[in-house]
C-alpha atoms as a PDB file:
ATOM      1  CA  UNK A   1      -3.760   2.399  -8.745  1.00  0.00           C
ATOM      2  CA  UNK A   2      -5.641   5.232 -10.425  1.00  0.00           C
ATOM      3  CA  UNK A   3      -7.064   6.095  -7.026  1.00  0.00           C
ATOM      4  CA  UNK A   4      -3.585   6.746  -5.615  1.00  0.00           C
ATOM      5  CA  UNK A   5      -2.674   8.854  -8.638  1.00  0.00           C
ATOM      6  CA  UNK A   6      -5.840  10.885  -8.143  1.00  0.00           C
ATOM      7  CA  UNK A   7      -5.036  11.378  -4.450  1.00  0.00           C
ATOM      8  CA  UNK A   8      -1.512  12.516  -5.365  1.00  0.00           C
ATOM      9  CA  UNK A   9      -2.908  15.078  -7.808  1.00  0.00           C
ATOM     10  CA  UNK A  10      -5.375  16.350  -5.196  1.00  0.00           C
ATOM     11  CA  UNK A  11      -2.640  16.701  -2.570  1.00  0.00           C
ATOM     12  CA  UNK A  12      -0.418  18.510  -5.050  1.00  0.00           C
ATOM     13  CA  UNK A  13      -3.239  20.965  -5.815  1.00  0.00           C
ATOM     14  CA  UNK A  14      -3.851  21.451  -2.069  1.00  0.00           C
ATOM     15  CA  UNK A  15      -0.158  22.171  -1.469  1.00  0.00           C
ATOM     16  CA  UNK A  16      -0.120  24.748  -4.268  1.00  0.00           C
ATOM     17  CA  UNK A  17      -3.195  26.470  -2.859  1.00  0.00           C
ATOM     18  CA  UNK A  18      -1.757  26.561   0.670  1.00  0.00           C
ATOM     19  CA  UNK A  19       1.430  28.112  -0.751  1.00  0.00           C
ATOM     20  CA  UNK A  20      -0.650  30.830  -2.448  1.00  0.00           C
ATOM     21  CA  UNK A  21      -2.538  31.515   0.772  1.00  0.00           C
ATOM     22  CA  UNK A  22       0.736  31.604   2.687  1.00  0.00           C
ATOM     23  CA  UNK A  23       1.989  34.319   0.349  1.00  0.00           C
ATOM     24  CA  UNK A  24      -1.165  36.372   0.943  1.00  0.00           C
ATOM     25  CA  UNK A  25      -1.309  35.930   4.720  1.00  0.00           C
ATOM     26  CA  UNK A  26      -0.267  38.889   6.861  1.00  0.00           C
ATOM     27  CA  UNK A  27      -0.869  37.720  10.431  1.00  0.00           C
ATOM     28  CA  UNK A  28       1.803  35.655  12.165  1.00  0.00           C
ATOM     29  CA  UNK A  29      -0.556  33.023  13.615  1.00  0.00           C
ATOM     30  CA  UNK A  30      -2.201  32.489  10.236  1.00  0.00           C
ATOM     31  CA  UNK A  31       1.203  32.073   8.562  1.00  0.00           C
ATOM     32  CA  UNK A  32       2.289  29.575  11.210  1.00  0.00           C
ATOM     33  CA  UNK A  33      -0.937  27.616  10.809  1.00  0.00           C
ATOM     34  CA  UNK A  34      -0.563  27.514   7.025  1.00  0.00           C
ATOM     35  CA  UNK A  35       3.078  26.419   7.311  1.00  0.00           C
ATOM     36  CA  UNK A  36       2.063  23.528   9.573  1.00  0.00           C
ATOM     37  CA  UNK A  37      -0.682  22.519   7.143  1.00  0.00           C
ATOM     38  CA  UNK A  38       1.743  22.734   4.228  1.00  0.00           C
ATOM     39  CA  UNK A  39       4.227  20.429   5.982  1.00  0.00           C
ATOM     40  CA  UNK A  40       1.438  17.982   6.854  1.00  0.00           C
ATOM     41  CA  UNK A  41       0.232  17.894   3.251  1.00  0.00           C
ATOM     42  CA  UNK A  42       3.786  17.441   1.962  1.00  0.00           C
ATOM     43  CA  UNK A  43       4.297  14.540   4.382  1.00  0.00           C
ATOM     44  CA  UNK A  44       1.096  12.895   3.137  1.00  0.00           C
ATOM     45  CA  UNK A  45       2.227  13.531  -0.443  1.00  0.00           C
ATOM     46  CA  UNK A  46       5.574  11.811   0.152  1.00  0.00           C
ATOM     47  CA  UNK A  47       3.880   8.851   1.859  1.00  0.00           C
ATOM     48  CA  UNK A  48       1.517   8.384  -1.095  1.00  0.00           C
ATOM     49  CA  UNK A  49       4.394   8.578  -3.583  1.00  0.00           C
ATOM     50  CA  UNK A  50       6.263   5.875  -1.643  1.00  0.00           C
ATOM     51  CA  UNK A  51       3.135   3.715  -1.530  1.00  0.00           C
ATOM     52  CA  UNK A  52       2.715   4.107  -5.287  1.00  0.00           C
ATOM     53  CA  UNK A  53       6.362   3.138  -5.877  1.00  0.00           C
ATOM     54  CA  UNK A  54       5.973   0.058  -3.670  1.00  0.00           C
ATOM     55  CA  UNK A  55       2.901  -1.012  -5.622  1.00  0.00           C
ATOM     56  CA  UNK A  56       4.759  -0.509  -8.892  1.00  0.00           C
ATOM     57  CA  UNK A  57       7.681  -2.612  -7.646  1.00  0.00           C
ATOM     58  CA  UNK A  58       5.316  -5.322  -6.409  1.00  0.00           C
ATOM     59  CA  UNK A  59       3.446  -5.356  -9.719  1.00  0.00           C
ATOM     60  CA  UNK A  60       6.706  -5.581 -11.656  1.00  0.00           C
ATOM     61  CA  UNK A  61       7.987  -8.388  -9.439  1.00  0.00           C
ATOM     62  CA  UNK A  62       4.721 -10.300  -9.818  1.00  0.00           C
ATOM     63  CA  UNK A  63       4.841  -9.909 -13.597  1.00  0.00           C
ATOM     64  CA  UNK A  64       8.437 -11.123 -13.786  1.00  0.00           C
ATOM     65  CA  UNK A  65       7.881 -14.083 -11.492  1.00  0.00           C
ATOM     66  CA  UNK A  66       7.847 -17.290 -13.478  1.00  0.00           C
ATOM     67  CA  UNK A  67       4.755 -19.411 -13.072  1.00  0.00           C
ATOM     68  CA  UNK A  68       5.367 -22.643 -11.229  1.00  0.00           C
ATOM     69  CA  UNK A  69       3.630 -25.971 -11.532  1.00  0.00           C
ATOM     70  CA  UNK A  70       0.561 -26.176  -9.330  1.00  0.00           C
ATOM     71  CA  UNK A  71       0.981 -28.106  -6.125  1.00  0.00           C
ATOM     72  CA  UNK A  72      -1.141 -31.220  -6.040  1.00  0.00           C
ATOM     73  CA  UNK A  73      -2.692 -31.820  -2.665  1.00  0.00           C
ATOM     74  CA  UNK A  74      -1.963 -35.246  -1.291  1.00  0.00           C
ATOM     75  CA  UNK A  75      -4.982 -37.366  -0.549  1.00  0.00           C
ATOM     76  CA  UNK A  76      -5.531 -38.791   2.888  1.00  0.00           C
ATOM     77  CA  UNK A  77      -5.224 -42.516   2.768  1.00  0.00           C
ATOM     78  CA  UNK A  78      -6.630 -44.755   5.400  1.00  0.00           C
ATOM     79  CA  UNK A  79      -5.456 -48.303   5.712  1.00  0.00           C
ATOM     80  CA  UNK A  80      -7.409 -51.165   7.121  1.00  0.00           C
ATOM     81  CA  UNK A  81      -5.914 -54.370   8.374  1.00  0.00           C
ATOM     82  CA  UNK A  82      -7.892 -57.360   9.308  1.00  0.00           C
ATOM     83  CA  UNK A  83      -7.165 -58.638  12.791  1.00  0.00           C
ATOM     84  CA  UNK A  84      -6.748 -62.389  12.723  1.00  0.00           C
ATOM     85  CA  UNK A  85      -5.305 -63.149  16.155  1.00  0.00           C
ATOM     86  CA  UNK A  86      -7.462 -62.213  19.129  1.00  0.00           C
ATOM     87  CA  UNK A  87      -5.461 -62.274  22.321  1.00  0.00           C
ATOM     88  CA  UNK A  88      -3.782 -65.406  23.654  1.00  0.00           C
END
């Protein structure tokens, strides 16, 4: 989970830096490129946040789930019957 948090922090830092560069850019094509990159990074950021929330919900649900009795596997039983009558 720490890995996702680290990725979120890195993406947040990348978004901030792209915003700074966008403010400094003067050429139209460069601004458009930076805007596209900013949107892509924000989309990745949102996806990681959702993934983190899902993991938190799953961890909470697993912690709240009551332990159940272990299931005992049934043993295979083979029966033998002695044949006493052989054809008529």
